[in-house]
Protein backbone atom coordinates (compact mmCIF):
# COMPACT_ATOMS: atom_id res chain seq x y z
CA MET A 1 163.87 192.12 106.45
CA THR A 2 160.67 190.61 105.08
CA LYS A 3 160.10 189.02 101.70
CA LYS A 4 157.85 191.94 100.73
CA ARG A 5 160.54 194.44 101.70
CA LEU A 6 163.18 192.63 99.65
CA SER A 7 160.82 192.56 96.68
CA GLN A 8 160.36 196.34 96.94
CA LEU A 9 164.11 196.95 97.20
CA SER A 10 164.68 194.63 94.25
CA GLU A 11 162.36 196.81 92.17
CA ASP A 12 164.14 199.91 93.46
CA TYR A 13 167.43 198.38 92.39
CA ARG A 14 166.24 198.10 88.79
CA ARG A 15 165.76 201.85 88.64
CA ILE A 16 169.07 202.47 90.38
CA GLU A 17 170.78 200.30 87.78
CA GLN A 18 169.00 202.12 84.94
CA ALA A 19 170.16 205.45 86.36
CA ILE A 20 173.76 204.26 86.53
CA LYS A 21 173.51 202.98 82.97
CA PHE A 22 172.15 206.35 81.79
CA ILE A 23 174.99 208.24 83.48
CA GLU A 24 177.54 205.91 81.88
CA ALA A 25 176.03 206.38 78.43
CA ASN A 26 175.89 210.17 78.78
CA PHE A 27 178.95 210.92 80.88
CA LYS A 28 180.35 213.40 78.34
CA SER A 29 177.31 215.66 78.63
CA ARG A 30 177.28 215.36 82.45
CA PRO A 31 173.49 215.08 82.93
CA ASP A 32 172.00 216.84 85.94
CA LEU A 33 169.76 215.24 88.56
CA ASP A 34 166.56 216.15 86.72
CA GLU A 35 167.75 214.45 83.53
CA ILE A 36 168.85 211.34 85.39
CA ALA A 37 165.51 211.16 87.22
CA LYS A 38 163.59 211.50 83.95
CA SER A 39 165.60 208.64 82.46
CA VAL A 40 163.94 206.31 84.99
CA ASN A 41 160.52 208.01 84.73
CA LEU A 42 160.66 209.73 88.10
CA SER A 43 160.48 213.30 89.30
CA LYS A 44 163.52 214.74 91.05
CA TYR A 45 161.66 214.46 94.37
CA HIS A 46 160.76 210.79 93.94
CA PHE A 47 164.22 210.03 92.58
CA HIS A 48 165.69 211.39 95.81
CA ARG A 49 163.27 209.28 97.84
CA LEU A 50 164.25 206.21 95.80
CA PHE A 51 167.89 206.53 96.79
CA LYS A 52 167.11 207.33 100.41
CA ARG A 53 164.95 204.22 100.62
CA TRP A 54 167.38 201.91 98.84
CA ALA A 55 170.79 203.23 99.93
CA GLY A 56 170.02 205.54 102.84
CA ILE A 57 171.70 208.53 101.17
CA SER A 58 170.96 211.10 98.48
CA PRO A 59 171.57 210.30 94.80
CA VAL A 60 174.22 213.02 94.61
CA ARG A 61 176.18 211.48 97.48
CA PHE A 62 175.72 207.99 96.02
CA MET A 63 177.10 209.02 92.63
CA GLN A 64 180.16 210.51 94.32
CA PHE A 65 181.06 207.00 95.47
CA LEU A 66 181.22 205.90 91.83
CA THR A 67 183.66 208.53 90.62
CA LEU A 68 187.16 207.70 89.43
CA GLU A 69 188.64 210.00 92.07
CA TYR A 70 186.85 208.18 94.89
CA ALA A 71 187.94 204.78 93.56
CA LYS A 72 191.57 205.90 93.34
CA ASP A 73 191.45 207.18 96.92
CA LYS A 74 190.08 203.85 98.15
CA LEU A 75 192.77 201.95 96.23
CA ALA A 76 195.41 204.10 97.91
CA GLU A 77 193.91 203.27 101.30
CA SER A 78 194.03 199.56 100.45
CA GLY A 79 197.81 199.69 100.87
CA ASN A 80 197.33 199.42 104.63
CA LEU A 81 194.94 196.49 104.13
CA LEU A 82 197.49 194.77 101.91
CA ASP A 83 200.30 195.29 104.42
CA ALA A 84 198.16 193.83 107.21
CA SER A 85 197.28 190.80 105.11
CA LEU A 86 200.92 190.17 104.23
CA ASP A 87 201.97 190.56 107.87
CA THR A 88 199.37 188.26 109.41
CA GLY A 89 198.67 185.83 106.56
CA LEU A 90 195.33 184.89 105.10
CA SER A 91 194.26 183.16 108.31
CA GLY A 92 195.17 186.09 110.52
CA PRO A 93 192.72 187.64 113.00
CA GLY A 94 191.00 191.00 112.77
CA ARG A 95 189.12 190.39 109.55
CA LEU A 96 185.75 192.02 109.02
CA HIS A 97 184.18 189.91 106.32
CA ASP A 98 185.33 186.41 107.26
CA LEU A 99 183.95 186.80 110.78
CA PHE A 100 180.67 185.54 109.41
CA VAL A 101 181.72 183.76 106.20
CA THR A 102 183.68 180.50 106.33
CA PHE A 103 184.06 177.81 103.72
CA ASP A 104 184.77 174.16 103.08
CA ALA A 105 186.75 173.46 99.89
CA MET A 106 186.11 170.20 98.10
CA THR A 107 189.02 167.75 97.99
CA PRO A 108 190.58 166.83 94.61
CA GLY A 109 188.78 163.49 94.81
CA GLU A 110 185.43 165.16 95.44
CA TYR A 111 186.14 167.66 92.68
CA LYS A 112 186.47 164.86 90.13
CA GLN A 113 183.17 163.29 91.21
CA TYR A 114 181.21 166.36 90.02
CA GLY A 115 178.75 166.25 92.88
CA THR A 116 178.14 162.51 93.11
CA GLY A 117 176.07 161.81 96.24
CA LEU A 118 175.43 165.51 96.81
CA ARG A 119 171.93 166.93 97.23
CA ILE A 120 171.63 170.55 96.15
CA GLU A 121 168.57 172.58 97.11
CA TYR A 122 167.96 175.82 95.25
CA GLY A 123 165.57 178.73 94.88
CA HIS A 124 165.06 182.02 93.04
CA HIS A 125 164.52 185.10 95.20
CA HIS A 126 164.44 188.89 95.21
CA THR A 127 167.38 190.71 96.79
CA ILE A 128 168.41 194.34 97.19
CA PHE A 129 170.52 193.85 94.05
CA GLY A 130 167.90 192.19 91.88
CA GLU A 131 166.76 188.60 91.54
CA CYS A 132 169.13 185.77 92.39
CA LEU A 133 169.57 182.03 92.21
CA ILE A 134 170.94 180.50 95.39
CA ALA A 135 171.85 176.87 96.03
CA LYS A 136 172.92 175.01 99.16
CA THR A 137 174.07 171.62 100.34
CA ASP A 138 174.32 170.15 103.82
CA ARG A 139 177.89 171.47 103.86
CA GLY A 140 177.04 175.04 102.93
CA ILE A 141 176.01 177.47 100.20
CA CYS A 142 177.54 176.37 96.89
CA HIS A 143 176.13 179.03 94.57
CA LEU A 144 174.77 182.56 94.62
CA GLY A 145 174.34 184.40 91.36
CA PHE A 146 172.30 187.36 90.17
CA LEU A 147 169.93 187.13 87.24
CA ASP A 148 170.01 189.72 84.51
CA SER A 149 169.85 188.87 80.84
CA ILE A 150 170.10 185.20 81.79
CA ASN A 151 166.69 183.73 82.60
CA LYS A 152 165.92 181.31 85.39
CA THR A 153 166.16 178.23 83.19
CA LYS A 154 169.56 179.15 81.79
CA SER A 155 170.95 180.04 85.21
CA LEU A 156 169.78 176.72 86.64
CA ASN A 157 171.19 174.82 83.65
CA HIS A 158 174.54 176.50 84.20
CA LEU A 159 174.51 175.46 87.86
CA GLN A 160 173.59 171.88 86.98
CA ASN A 161 176.45 171.74 84.48
CA LEU A 162 178.85 172.62 87.29
CA TRP A 163 177.53 169.74 89.40
CA PRO A 164 176.33 167.21 86.76
CA ASN A 165 176.17 164.23 89.11
CA ALA A 166 174.38 165.98 91.99
CA ILE A 167 170.71 165.62 92.86
CA PHE A 168 168.88 168.94 92.46
CA ALA A 169 165.69 169.86 94.31
CA GLU A 170 163.90 173.20 94.40
CA ASN A 171 163.27 174.24 97.99
CA SER A 172 162.46 177.95 98.06
CA LYS A 173 161.17 177.76 101.62
CA VAL A 174 164.62 176.84 102.91
CA THR A 175 166.63 179.11 100.61
CA GLU A 176 164.33 182.09 101.26
CA SER A 177 165.42 182.32 104.89
CA ILE A 178 169.08 182.18 103.83
CA VAL A 179 168.60 185.03 101.36
CA GLU A 180 166.83 187.12 103.99
CA ASN A 181 169.74 186.56 106.40
CA ILE A 182 172.31 187.53 103.77
CA PHE A 183 170.62 190.68 102.54
CA THR A 184 169.56 192.19 105.82
CA SER A 185 170.86 194.99 108.04
CA LYS A 186 174.54 194.99 108.85
CA THR A 187 173.95 194.52 112.57
CA ALA A 188 171.80 191.46 111.99
CA ASN A 189 174.20 190.18 109.37
CA LYS A 190 177.00 189.98 111.90
CA LYS A 191 174.90 187.61 113.98
CA SER A 192 174.55 185.19 111.08
CA LYS A 193 177.21 182.67 110.16
CA PHE A 194 177.40 181.59 106.54
CA ARG A 195 179.17 178.39 105.56
CA LEU A 196 180.15 177.90 101.92
CA LEU A 197 181.03 174.79 99.93
CA LEU A 198 183.48 175.71 97.19
CA LYS A 199 184.57 173.73 94.15
CA GLY A 200 187.68 175.06 92.44
CA THR A 201 191.38 174.61 91.91
CA ASN A 202 193.76 175.29 94.78
CA PHE A 203 194.70 178.58 93.15
CA GLN A 204 191.08 179.66 92.76
CA VAL A 205 190.28 178.77 96.36
CA ASN A 206 193.27 180.80 97.56
CA VAL A 207 192.02 183.80 95.60
CA TRP A 208 188.50 183.41 97.01
CA ARG A 209 189.97 183.15 100.51
CA ALA A 210 191.87 186.38 99.90
CA LEU A 211 188.68 188.10 98.78
CA LEU A 212 187.19 187.40 102.19
CA THR A 213 189.83 189.66 103.75
CA ILE A 214 188.48 192.76 101.97
CA PRO A 215 186.27 194.75 104.37
CA GLU A 216 183.03 196.33 103.24
CA GLY A 217 183.64 199.81 101.86
CA SER A 218 187.18 198.97 100.72
CA LEU A 219 188.51 198.52 97.19
CA VAL A 220 191.58 196.59 96.04
CA SER A 221 193.19 195.89 92.68
CA TYR A 222 193.88 192.56 91.02
CA GLN A 223 197.56 193.23 91.70
CA ASP A 224 196.76 193.56 95.41
CA ILE A 225 195.08 190.16 95.48
CA ALA A 226 198.01 188.59 93.63
CA ALA A 227 200.35 190.01 96.27
CA ILE A 228 198.16 188.79 99.14
CA ILE A 229 198.29 185.19 97.89
CA GLY A 230 202.05 185.43 97.38
CA GLN A 231 201.99 185.28 93.58
CA PRO A 232 202.51 188.88 92.40
CA ASN A 233 203.09 187.83 88.80
CA ALA A 234 199.82 185.89 88.54
CA VAL A 235 197.57 188.91 87.98
CA ARG A 236 195.88 187.46 84.89
CA ALA A 237 195.14 184.18 86.67
CA VAL A 238 193.80 186.14 89.64
CA GLY A 239 191.46 187.97 87.29
CA HIS A 240 190.09 184.68 85.99
CA ALA A 241 189.61 183.28 89.51
CA VAL A 242 187.76 186.44 90.52
CA ALA A 243 185.59 186.17 87.41
CA VAL A 244 184.48 182.60 88.16
CA ASN A 245 183.64 183.23 91.82
CA PRO A 246 180.62 180.95 92.46
CA VAL A 247 179.15 182.84 95.42
CA ALA A 248 178.34 186.47 94.66
CA TYR A 249 178.34 189.09 97.41
CA LEU A 250 179.38 186.75 100.26
CA ILE A 251 182.70 186.27 98.48
CA PRO A 252 183.13 189.96 97.64
CA CYS A 253 184.72 189.81 94.19
CA HIS A 254 182.91 193.08 93.43
CA ARG A 255 185.44 194.89 95.64
CA VAL A 256 188.24 194.17 93.16
CA ILE A 257 188.69 196.85 90.50
CA ALA A 258 191.31 197.86 87.94
CA LYS A 259 194.40 199.57 89.35
CA THR A 260 193.42 202.63 87.29
CA GLY A 261 190.27 202.99 89.41
CA ILE A 262 187.90 201.96 86.62
CA ILE A 263 185.00 199.78 87.81
CA TYR A 264 184.15 197.06 85.33
CA ARG A 265 184.48 193.30 84.75
CA TYR A 266 181.72 191.72 86.80
CA ARG A 267 180.08 188.52 85.65
CA TRP A 268 176.70 189.82 86.85
CA GLY A 269 177.07 193.18 85.11
CA SER A 270 179.32 196.19 85.65
CA ASN A 271 176.36 198.42 86.55
CA ARG A 272 175.36 195.99 89.28
CA LYS A 273 178.94 196.05 90.55
CA LYS A 274 178.79 199.85 90.78
CA ALA A 275 175.44 199.71 92.53
CA ILE A 276 176.74 197.25 95.13
CA LEU A 277 179.88 199.30 95.74
CA GLY A 278 177.89 202.51 96.12
CA TRP A 279 175.48 200.81 98.51
CA GLU A 280 178.36 199.42 100.59
CA ALA A 281 180.15 202.77 100.65
CA ALA A 282 176.96 204.36 101.96
CA ARG A 283 176.70 201.76 104.73
CA ALA A 284 180.38 202.14 105.63
CA GLY A 285 179.88 205.90 105.88
CA MET A 286 176.85 205.53 108.13
CA ASP A 287 178.77 203.13 110.38
CA ALA A 288 181.56 205.69 110.73
CA LEU A 289 179.03 208.26 111.92
CA SER A 290 177.27 205.93 114.37
């Protein structure tokens, strides 16, 4: 996927997000497709083309993936995923997501050094889910976050505060190729291996490891994750660990939703979370048909 293509899909995403926001704000009146299309300044025809280009499916089908009924069905299916995780352990085989995502957790000693001796290269890029800030070290990707109301300066300042003793250098040429590999077709994505460098408490790292066991197209609850890590009573702490996930998308914290089926609580915006989940559900459906 080229830089130009990602830029186009990033622009498409903005309209997708606006449409989701409009539906949320007007859910009681149940707006039809024409009304939703008008809310993003498109005709019904071009609105349909927008979704086909961005998600590969019609807007009607896409919106079905965001319903409470669909979310509840996926949570019910996650029982099998949970049982498999408990049977085989977090390092068990047969995972979908962690086939191409591995990580290196910083030691307690390294954690306390706040990045001393570490060189972090970063860049801002367009993705299929809007603009992002990505950062890497020689040991792996240490940050991936989407930009929304936070501007580039604030997002970079936040990253620098997490690693105050590290040396930062903008290197968009290097990070651009990483972003293109991450946000490409599923077939190509499986050929890429992504190594992450994570800085967190042992508990947080265990939660992030558990998130890597959630396949694309699946949904789990915070209670499910707590059970997977063997701490069923630590649901609140799990929620916090999910919320501070430093590497968006690759560590799929967006696949964790409330046990009621409600989709919210995403540090990069609940509407973005819904857009990502709808996009992944569309891909999972196309894979099932192929």
